[in-house]
N, C-alpha and C. Protein backbone atom coordinates (compact mmCIF):
# COMPACT_ATOMS: atom_id res chain seq x y z
N UNK A 1 26.09 79.81 82.76
CA UNK A 1 27.06 79.51 81.72
C UNK A 1 26.53 78.40 80.83
N UNK A 2 26.77 78.55 79.55
CA UNK A 2 26.37 77.54 78.58
C UNK A 2 27.36 76.39 78.63
N UNK A 3 26.85 75.15 78.63
CA UNK A 3 27.70 73.97 78.57
C UNK A 3 27.37 73.18 77.31
N UNK A 4 28.41 72.70 76.65
CA UNK A 4 28.23 71.92 75.42
C UNK A 4 29.09 70.66 75.47
N UNK A 5 28.46 69.53 75.19
CA UNK A 5 29.19 68.26 75.14
C UNK A 5 29.74 68.08 73.73
N UNK A 6 31.06 67.85 73.66
CA UNK A 6 31.76 67.64 72.39
C UNK A 6 32.41 66.26 72.44
N UNK A 7 32.19 65.44 71.42
CA UNK A 7 32.84 64.13 71.36
C UNK A 7 34.03 64.20 70.41
N UNK A 8 35.15 63.65 70.86
CA UNK A 8 36.35 63.51 70.04
C UNK A 8 36.29 62.11 69.42
N UNK A 9 36.23 62.05 68.10
CA UNK A 9 36.06 60.78 67.41
C UNK A 9 37.17 60.58 66.39
N UNK A 10 37.57 59.33 66.21
CA UNK A 10 38.56 59.01 65.20
C UNK A 10 39.09 57.61 65.44
N UNK A 11 39.95 57.20 64.55
CA UNK A 11 40.56 55.89 64.65
C UNK A 11 41.54 55.79 65.80
N UNK A 12 42.07 54.62 65.96
CA UNK A 12 43.06 54.33 66.99
C UNK A 12 44.33 55.15 66.73
N UNK A 13 44.83 55.84 67.75
CA UNK A 13 46.12 56.55 67.72
C UNK A 13 46.20 57.67 66.68
N UNK A 14 45.09 58.38 66.45
CA UNK A 14 45.13 59.51 65.52
C UNK A 14 45.53 60.82 66.21
N UNK A 15 45.45 60.84 67.55
CA UNK A 15 45.86 62.03 68.28
C UNK A 15 44.72 62.74 69.00
N UNK A 16 43.62 62.07 69.25
CA UNK A 16 42.48 62.70 69.93
C UNK A 16 42.87 63.20 71.32
N UNK A 17 43.48 62.34 72.12
CA UNK A 17 43.88 62.70 73.47
C UNK A 17 44.93 63.81 73.44
N UNK A 18 45.86 63.73 72.52
CA UNK A 18 46.90 64.75 72.41
C UNK A 18 46.30 66.11 72.05
N UNK A 19 45.31 66.14 71.18
CA UNK A 19 44.64 67.39 70.82
C UNK A 19 43.91 67.98 72.03
N UNK A 20 43.22 67.12 72.78
CA UNK A 20 42.50 67.59 73.96
C UNK A 20 43.49 68.14 74.99
N UNK A 21 44.55 67.41 75.24
CA UNK A 21 45.55 67.87 76.22
C UNK A 21 46.19 69.19 75.80
N UNK A 22 46.50 69.30 74.52
CA UNK A 22 47.10 70.54 74.01
C UNK A 22 46.13 71.70 74.19
N UNK A 23 44.85 71.47 73.91
CA UNK A 23 43.84 72.52 74.03
C UNK A 23 43.59 72.90 75.49
N UNK A 24 43.45 71.92 76.36
CA UNK A 24 43.08 72.18 77.75
C UNK A 24 44.27 72.67 78.59
N UNK A 25 45.43 72.04 78.44
CA UNK A 25 46.57 72.37 79.31
C UNK A 25 47.80 72.87 78.55
N UNK A 26 47.72 72.94 77.23
CA UNK A 26 48.84 73.35 76.37
C UNK A 26 50.07 72.47 76.58
N UNK A 27 49.84 71.17 76.77
CA UNK A 27 50.92 70.21 76.99
C UNK A 27 50.83 69.11 75.93
N UNK A 28 52.01 68.64 75.49
CA UNK A 28 52.08 67.48 74.61
C UNK A 28 53.04 66.48 75.22
N UNK A 29 52.69 65.22 75.16
CA UNK A 29 53.57 64.17 75.69
C UNK A 29 53.82 63.14 74.60
N UNK A 30 55.07 62.71 74.51
CA UNK A 30 55.43 61.65 73.56
C UNK A 30 54.97 60.27 74.06
N UNK A 31 54.66 60.18 75.36
CA UNK A 31 54.27 58.91 75.95
C UNK A 31 52.80 58.65 75.66
N UNK A 32 52.54 57.64 74.87
CA UNK A 32 51.19 57.34 74.41
C UNK A 32 50.55 56.31 75.33
N UNK A 33 49.36 56.64 75.80
CA UNK A 33 48.56 55.67 76.55
C UNK A 33 47.20 55.58 75.89
N UNK A 34 46.80 54.37 75.58
CA UNK A 34 45.52 54.15 74.93
C UNK A 34 44.37 54.56 75.84
N UNK A 35 43.42 55.30 75.28
CA UNK A 35 42.22 55.66 76.03
C UNK A 35 41.34 54.43 76.14
N UNK A 36 40.91 54.14 77.35
CA UNK A 36 39.99 53.02 77.58
C UNK A 36 38.65 53.64 77.97
N UNK A 37 37.64 53.39 77.17
CA UNK A 37 36.34 53.99 77.45
C UNK A 37 36.31 55.44 77.04
N UNK A 38 36.10 56.31 78.02
CA UNK A 38 36.01 57.75 77.74
C UNK A 38 36.69 58.53 78.87
N UNK A 39 37.33 59.61 78.50
CA UNK A 39 37.90 60.55 79.46
C UNK A 39 37.23 61.90 79.19
N UNK A 40 36.83 62.59 80.24
CA UNK A 40 36.15 63.87 80.07
C UNK A 40 37.03 64.99 80.62
N UNK A 41 37.25 66.00 79.80
CA UNK A 41 37.99 67.20 80.18
C UNK A 41 37.07 68.40 79.96
N UNK A 42 37.38 69.52 80.63
CA UNK A 42 36.56 70.73 80.49
C UNK A 42 37.45 71.92 80.19
N UNK A 43 36.93 72.82 79.40
CA UNK A 43 37.60 74.10 79.19
C UNK A 43 36.54 75.13 78.81
N UNK A 44 36.67 76.31 79.41
CA UNK A 44 35.75 77.40 79.10
C UNK A 44 36.39 78.29 78.05
N UNK A 45 35.61 78.61 77.02
CA UNK A 45 36.05 79.51 75.96
C UNK A 45 35.07 80.66 75.85
N UNK A 46 35.51 81.74 75.27
CA UNK A 46 34.66 82.92 75.06
C UNK A 46 34.23 82.94 73.60
N UNK A 47 32.90 83.00 73.39
CA UNK A 47 32.35 83.08 72.04
C UNK A 47 31.33 84.22 72.05
N UNK A 48 31.58 85.22 71.22
CA UNK A 48 30.68 86.37 71.13
C UNK A 48 30.34 86.92 72.52
N UNK A 49 31.35 87.12 73.32
CA UNK A 49 31.23 87.68 74.67
C UNK A 49 30.39 86.82 75.62
N UNK A 50 30.33 85.53 75.35
CA UNK A 50 29.64 84.57 76.21
C UNK A 50 30.62 83.48 76.60
N UNK A 51 30.61 83.11 77.89
CA UNK A 51 31.40 81.97 78.32
C UNK A 51 30.69 80.68 77.93
N UNK A 52 31.43 79.78 77.33
CA UNK A 52 30.90 78.49 76.93
C UNK A 52 31.84 77.42 77.50
N UNK A 53 31.30 76.53 78.33
CA UNK A 53 32.11 75.44 78.85
C UNK A 53 31.99 74.26 77.92
N UNK A 54 33.12 73.86 77.36
CA UNK A 54 33.16 72.70 76.49
C UNK A 54 33.49 71.48 77.34
N UNK A 55 32.60 70.50 77.31
CA UNK A 55 32.81 69.23 77.98
C UNK A 55 33.33 68.28 76.91
N UNK A 56 34.62 68.01 76.93
CA UNK A 56 35.28 67.26 75.87
C UNK A 56 35.33 65.78 76.22
N UNK A 57 34.54 64.99 75.50
CA UNK A 57 34.50 63.54 75.69
C UNK A 57 35.49 62.92 74.72
N UNK A 58 36.62 62.49 75.26
CA UNK A 58 37.68 61.85 74.49
C UNK A 58 37.39 60.35 74.47
N UNK A 59 36.82 59.89 73.36
CA UNK A 59 36.42 58.48 73.25
C UNK A 59 37.55 57.62 72.71
N UNK A 60 37.57 56.37 73.13
CA UNK A 60 38.58 55.44 72.64
C UNK A 60 38.54 55.36 71.12
N UNK A 61 39.67 54.98 70.54
CA UNK A 61 39.79 54.93 69.09
C UNK A 61 39.03 53.78 68.46
N UNK A 62 38.43 54.08 67.36
CA UNK A 62 37.68 53.09 66.57
C UNK A 62 38.66 52.27 65.75
N UNK A 63 38.49 50.96 65.74
CA UNK A 63 39.27 50.09 64.86
C UNK A 63 38.44 48.86 64.53
N UNK A 64 39.05 47.90 63.86
CA UNK A 64 38.28 46.72 63.43
C UNK A 64 37.81 45.86 64.59
N UNK A 65 38.39 46.02 65.77
CA UNK A 65 38.01 45.22 66.93
C UNK A 65 37.08 45.95 67.89
N UNK A 66 37.05 47.26 67.81
CA UNK A 66 36.34 48.06 68.80
C UNK A 66 35.55 49.16 68.10
N UNK A 67 34.26 49.20 68.35
CA UNK A 67 33.41 50.21 67.73
C UNK A 67 32.84 51.12 68.81
N UNK A 68 32.61 52.37 68.42
CA UNK A 68 32.10 53.37 69.35
C UNK A 68 30.74 52.96 69.90
N UNK A 69 30.59 53.10 71.21
CA UNK A 69 29.29 52.85 71.83
C UNK A 69 28.41 54.06 71.53
N UNK A 70 27.31 53.80 70.88
CA UNK A 70 26.42 54.89 70.49
C UNK A 70 25.89 55.65 71.69
N UNK A 71 25.82 55.01 72.84
CA UNK A 71 25.33 55.70 74.04
C UNK A 71 26.25 56.86 74.42
N UNK A 72 27.56 56.78 74.10
CA UNK A 72 28.48 57.89 74.39
C UNK A 72 28.15 59.13 73.57
N UNK A 73 27.52 58.95 72.43
CA UNK A 73 27.21 60.07 71.54
C UNK A 73 25.98 60.85 71.97
N UNK A 74 25.09 60.21 72.70
CA UNK A 74 23.83 60.87 73.07
C UNK A 74 24.09 62.10 73.92
N UNK A 75 23.36 63.15 73.64
CA UNK A 75 23.52 64.40 74.37
C UNK A 75 24.61 65.30 73.83
N UNK A 76 25.26 64.88 72.76
CA UNK A 76 26.34 65.69 72.18
C UNK A 76 25.77 66.90 71.46
N UNK A 77 26.45 68.01 71.61
CA UNK A 77 26.10 69.23 70.87
C UNK A 77 26.88 69.30 69.57
N UNK A 78 28.04 68.64 69.54
CA UNK A 78 28.90 68.66 68.37
C UNK A 78 30.01 67.64 68.54
N UNK A 79 30.84 67.52 67.51
CA UNK A 79 31.93 66.56 67.58
C UNK A 79 33.07 66.97 66.67
N UNK A 80 34.22 66.37 66.96
CA UNK A 80 35.42 66.59 66.16
C UNK A 80 35.89 65.25 65.63
N UNK A 81 36.04 65.17 64.31
CA UNK A 81 36.56 63.96 63.67
C UNK A 81 38.05 64.16 63.45
N UNK A 82 38.85 63.26 64.00
CA UNK A 82 40.30 63.37 63.92
C UNK A 82 40.85 62.28 62.99
N UNK A 83 41.69 62.72 62.06
CA UNK A 83 42.36 61.80 61.15
C UNK A 83 43.86 61.98 61.30
N UNK A 84 44.61 60.93 61.04
CA UNK A 84 46.06 60.96 61.05
C UNK A 84 46.52 61.06 59.60
N UNK A 85 47.12 62.18 59.25
CA UNK A 85 47.54 62.40 57.87
C UNK A 85 48.47 61.34 57.33
N UNK A 86 49.18 60.63 58.22
CA UNK A 86 50.14 59.62 57.78
C UNK A 86 49.50 58.25 57.56
N UNK A 87 48.18 58.15 57.84
CA UNK A 87 47.48 56.86 57.65
C UNK A 87 46.15 57.11 56.95
N UNK A 88 46.09 56.78 55.66
CA UNK A 88 44.88 57.03 54.86
C UNK A 88 43.66 56.28 55.40
N UNK A 89 43.87 55.13 56.03
CA UNK A 89 42.75 54.35 56.56
C UNK A 89 41.96 55.13 57.61
N UNK A 90 42.59 56.10 58.27
CA UNK A 90 41.88 56.87 59.29
C UNK A 90 40.83 57.80 58.67
N UNK A 91 40.99 58.10 57.40
CA UNK A 91 39.98 58.88 56.67
C UNK A 91 38.71 58.06 56.50
N UNK A 92 38.86 56.79 56.14
CA UNK A 92 37.69 55.90 56.01
C UNK A 92 36.99 55.72 57.35
N UNK A 93 37.77 55.59 58.41
CA UNK A 93 37.20 55.47 59.75
C UNK A 93 36.40 56.71 60.10
N UNK A 94 36.95 57.89 59.79
CA UNK A 94 36.25 59.15 60.08
C UNK A 94 34.92 59.23 59.32
N UNK A 95 34.92 58.79 58.08
CA UNK A 95 33.67 58.80 57.30
C UNK A 95 32.61 57.90 57.95
N UNK A 96 33.03 56.71 58.37
CA UNK A 96 32.09 55.79 59.02
C UNK A 96 31.58 56.37 60.35
N UNK A 97 32.46 56.99 61.10
CA UNK A 97 32.05 57.59 62.37
C UNK A 97 31.05 58.73 62.15
N UNK A 98 31.28 59.52 61.11
CA UNK A 98 30.36 60.62 60.82
C UNK A 98 28.97 60.07 60.51
N UNK A 99 28.90 58.97 59.77
CA UNK A 99 27.61 58.34 59.47
C UNK A 99 26.96 57.80 60.74
N UNK A 100 27.76 57.24 61.64
CA UNK A 100 27.25 56.72 62.91
C UNK A 100 26.64 57.84 63.74
N UNK A 101 27.32 58.98 63.79
CA UNK A 101 26.80 60.12 64.57
C UNK A 101 25.47 60.59 63.99
N UNK A 102 25.41 60.76 62.69
CA UNK A 102 24.17 61.24 62.06
C UNK A 102 23.03 60.25 62.31
N UNK A 103 23.32 58.98 62.22
CA UNK A 103 22.31 57.95 62.47
C UNK A 103 21.86 57.95 63.93
N UNK A 104 22.77 58.24 64.85
CA UNK A 104 22.48 58.15 66.28
C UNK A 104 21.85 59.42 66.85
N UNK A 105 22.43 60.59 66.53
CA UNK A 105 21.96 61.83 67.15
C UNK A 105 21.51 62.88 66.15
N UNK A 106 21.62 62.57 64.86
CA UNK A 106 21.19 63.51 63.85
C UNK A 106 22.33 64.39 63.36
N UNK A 107 22.02 65.33 62.48
CA UNK A 107 23.05 66.19 61.90
C UNK A 107 23.40 67.35 62.83
N UNK A 108 24.37 67.13 63.70
CA UNK A 108 24.82 68.18 64.63
C UNK A 108 26.13 68.77 64.11
N UNK A 109 26.49 69.98 64.55
CA UNK A 109 27.72 70.62 64.07
C UNK A 109 28.97 69.78 64.34
N UNK A 110 29.89 69.81 63.40
CA UNK A 110 31.17 69.12 63.58
C UNK A 110 32.25 69.81 62.76
N UNK A 111 33.48 69.54 63.14
CA UNK A 111 34.65 69.94 62.37
C UNK A 111 35.55 68.72 62.29
N UNK A 112 36.48 68.74 61.34
CA UNK A 112 37.44 67.65 61.23
C UNK A 112 38.84 68.23 61.19
N UNK A 113 39.78 67.41 61.60
CA UNK A 113 41.18 67.83 61.56
C UNK A 113 42.03 66.68 61.06
N UNK A 114 42.94 67.02 60.16
CA UNK A 114 43.96 66.07 59.75
C UNK A 114 45.17 66.42 60.61
N UNK A 115 45.44 65.55 61.56
CA UNK A 115 46.47 65.78 62.56
C UNK A 115 47.84 65.32 62.03
N UNK A 116 48.85 65.74 62.72
CA UNK A 116 50.25 65.39 62.45
C UNK A 116 50.79 66.15 61.24
N UNK A 117 50.46 67.45 61.16
CA UNK A 117 51.00 68.26 60.07
C UNK A 117 52.50 68.45 60.20
N UNK A 118 53.06 68.15 61.37
CA UNK A 118 54.51 68.19 61.53
C UNK A 118 55.19 67.05 60.75
N UNK A 119 54.39 66.10 60.29
CA UNK A 119 54.90 64.98 59.49
C UNK A 119 54.32 65.01 58.07
N UNK A 120 54.02 66.19 57.56
CA UNK A 120 53.31 66.32 56.29
C UNK A 120 54.02 65.64 55.13
N UNK A 121 55.33 65.54 55.17
CA UNK A 121 56.06 64.86 54.09
C UNK A 121 55.73 63.36 54.03
N UNK A 122 55.15 62.84 55.11
CA UNK A 122 54.78 61.42 55.19
C UNK A 122 53.28 61.17 55.02
N UNK A 123 52.54 62.22 54.70
CA UNK A 123 51.08 62.08 54.61
C UNK A 123 50.66 61.14 53.49
N UNK A 124 49.63 60.35 53.80
CA UNK A 124 48.98 59.49 52.80
C UNK A 124 47.64 60.08 52.36
N UNK A 125 47.08 60.98 53.16
CA UNK A 125 45.82 61.63 52.78
C UNK A 125 46.19 62.77 51.82
N UNK A 126 45.73 62.65 50.58
CA UNK A 126 46.14 63.59 49.55
C UNK A 126 45.11 64.69 49.32
N UNK A 127 45.49 65.67 48.51
CA UNK A 127 44.65 66.84 48.24
C UNK A 127 43.30 66.48 47.63
N UNK A 128 43.22 65.55 46.66
CA UNK A 128 41.90 65.19 46.12
C UNK A 128 40.95 64.65 47.20
N UNK A 129 41.47 63.87 48.13
CA UNK A 129 40.63 63.34 49.22
C UNK A 129 40.15 64.47 50.12
N UNK A 130 41.01 65.44 50.37
CA UNK A 130 40.65 66.59 51.21
C UNK A 130 39.57 67.42 50.51
N UNK A 131 39.74 67.64 49.22
CA UNK A 131 38.75 68.41 48.45
C UNK A 131 37.40 67.70 48.44
N UNK A 132 37.42 66.37 48.36
CA UNK A 132 36.17 65.61 48.39
C UNK A 132 35.45 65.81 49.72
N UNK A 133 36.19 65.81 50.83
CA UNK A 133 35.57 66.07 52.13
C UNK A 133 34.93 67.45 52.16
N UNK A 134 35.65 68.44 51.66
CA UNK A 134 35.12 69.82 51.66
C UNK A 134 33.87 69.93 50.79
N UNK A 135 33.86 69.22 49.67
CA UNK A 135 32.68 69.23 48.79
C UNK A 135 31.47 68.61 49.50
N UNK A 136 31.73 67.70 50.43
CA UNK A 136 30.65 67.07 51.21
C UNK A 136 30.26 67.93 52.41
N UNK A 137 30.85 69.12 52.53
CA UNK A 137 30.49 70.03 53.60
C UNK A 137 31.29 69.90 54.88
N UNK A 138 32.37 69.15 54.85
CA UNK A 138 33.20 68.99 56.04
C UNK A 138 34.12 70.19 56.21
N UNK A 139 34.07 70.88 57.34
CA UNK A 139 35.11 71.87 57.64
C UNK A 139 36.39 71.09 57.98
N UNK A 140 37.44 71.26 57.19
CA UNK A 140 38.68 70.50 57.37
C UNK A 140 39.80 71.42 57.85
N UNK A 141 40.37 71.08 58.99
CA UNK A 141 41.51 71.79 59.53
C UNK A 141 42.74 70.92 59.39
N UNK A 142 43.89 71.56 59.43
CA UNK A 142 45.16 70.87 59.47
C UNK A 142 45.83 71.28 60.76
N UNK A 143 46.45 70.33 61.44
CA UNK A 143 47.08 70.70 62.70
C UNK A 143 48.08 69.69 63.19
N UNK A 144 48.70 70.08 64.28
CA UNK A 144 49.66 69.22 64.95
C UNK A 144 49.50 69.40 66.45
N UNK A 145 49.04 68.35 67.12
CA UNK A 145 48.96 68.41 68.58
C UNK A 145 50.36 68.58 69.16
N UNK A 146 51.34 67.99 68.51
CA UNK A 146 52.73 68.07 68.99
C UNK A 146 53.22 69.52 69.01
N UNK A 147 52.97 70.25 67.94
CA UNK A 147 53.44 71.63 67.83
C UNK A 147 52.40 72.66 68.26
N UNK A 148 51.17 72.21 68.47
CA UNK A 148 50.10 73.14 68.85
C UNK A 148 49.46 73.86 67.68
N UNK A 149 49.80 73.49 66.46
CA UNK A 149 49.27 74.17 65.28
C UNK A 149 47.81 73.80 65.03
N UNK A 150 46.98 74.82 64.82
CA UNK A 150 45.59 74.61 64.43
C UNK A 150 44.66 74.18 65.55
N UNK A 151 45.16 73.97 66.75
CA UNK A 151 44.35 73.42 67.83
C UNK A 151 43.33 74.44 68.35
N UNK A 152 43.78 75.63 68.69
CA UNK A 152 42.85 76.67 69.19
C UNK A 152 41.79 76.99 68.14
N UNK A 153 42.22 77.09 66.87
CA UNK A 153 41.30 77.41 65.79
C UNK A 153 40.23 76.33 65.63
N UNK A 154 40.64 75.08 65.75
CA UNK A 154 39.72 73.94 65.62
C UNK A 154 38.61 74.01 66.66
N UNK A 155 39.00 74.09 67.92
CA UNK A 155 38.01 74.11 69.00
C UNK A 155 37.21 75.41 68.98
N UNK A 156 37.87 76.52 68.67
CA UNK A 156 37.17 77.81 68.61
C UNK A 156 36.11 77.83 67.53
N UNK A 157 36.43 77.25 66.38
CA UNK A 157 35.47 77.19 65.29
C UNK A 157 34.25 76.38 65.68
N UNK A 158 34.46 75.22 66.28
CA UNK A 158 33.33 74.38 66.68
C UNK A 158 32.49 75.08 67.74
N UNK A 159 33.13 75.73 68.70
CA UNK A 159 32.39 76.45 69.74
C UNK A 159 31.52 77.53 69.12
N UNK A 160 32.05 78.23 68.14
CA UNK A 160 31.27 79.27 67.45
C UNK A 160 30.10 78.66 66.69
N UNK A 161 30.35 77.53 66.03
CA UNK A 161 29.28 76.84 65.29
C UNK A 161 28.16 76.39 66.23
N UNK A 162 28.52 75.99 67.45
CA UNK A 162 27.51 75.50 68.40
C UNK A 162 26.54 76.60 68.82
N UNK A 163 27.02 77.84 68.83
CA UNK A 163 26.14 78.94 69.22
C UNK A 163 25.35 79.49 68.05
N UNK A 164 25.82 79.24 66.83
CA UNK A 164 25.06 79.68 65.64
C UNK A 164 25.18 78.62 64.55
N UNK A 165 24.55 77.44 64.77
CA UNK A 165 24.72 76.32 63.84
C UNK A 165 24.18 76.57 62.43
N UNK A 166 23.27 77.52 62.29
CA UNK A 166 22.68 77.76 60.97
C UNK A 166 23.67 78.41 60.01
N UNK A 167 24.62 79.17 60.55
CA UNK A 167 25.58 79.86 59.67
C UNK A 167 26.99 79.74 60.23
N UNK A 168 27.72 78.70 59.80
CA UNK A 168 29.09 78.54 60.28
C UNK A 168 29.94 79.76 59.89
N UNK A 169 30.85 80.18 60.76
CA UNK A 169 31.69 81.32 60.43
C UNK A 169 32.59 81.02 59.25
N UNK A 170 32.87 82.04 58.47
CA UNK A 170 33.71 81.87 57.27
C UNK A 170 35.08 81.31 57.60
N UNK A 171 35.61 81.64 58.77
CA UNK A 171 36.93 81.16 59.15
C UNK A 171 36.95 79.64 59.30
N UNK A 172 35.78 79.03 59.46
CA UNK A 172 35.73 77.58 59.61
C UNK A 172 35.77 76.88 58.26
N UNK A 173 35.43 77.57 57.23
CA UNK A 173 35.35 76.93 55.93
C UNK A 173 36.56 77.29 55.14
């Protein structure tokens, strides 16, 4: 079986753990506990009739006091950048994290998600900012860990990209 290490990256409290839990166990909890260090979860998905085990490294949130340890990124096959639609500052954090990954492990496949689409009326990340990300080649998803929207598609797209990184599937773009 193919195994791929995926890092979940984003600012503090953007929903990384909630997305992983929703994907792995289809559960959402309102009770928030800060990730300390890294938590690793596993889930096997089917891509082009091949089983792929995703090793999901849920890393603590990046903020002005705490920066990602580059050693956690080593060995990654891909990553997911998570932003909170209700906090525009998480977009800047995601951009910085993307640069850190490229500097540390090179240009590996990634997808991004603007989480909390259930609160879209409160979003601070606007359409021009989203279009700018897409122009820079970022696959941008919209989702809600709370409602389960976009979660399967997000992880499925990245898994597909990992097996054929030269040509991302159209559904990802």
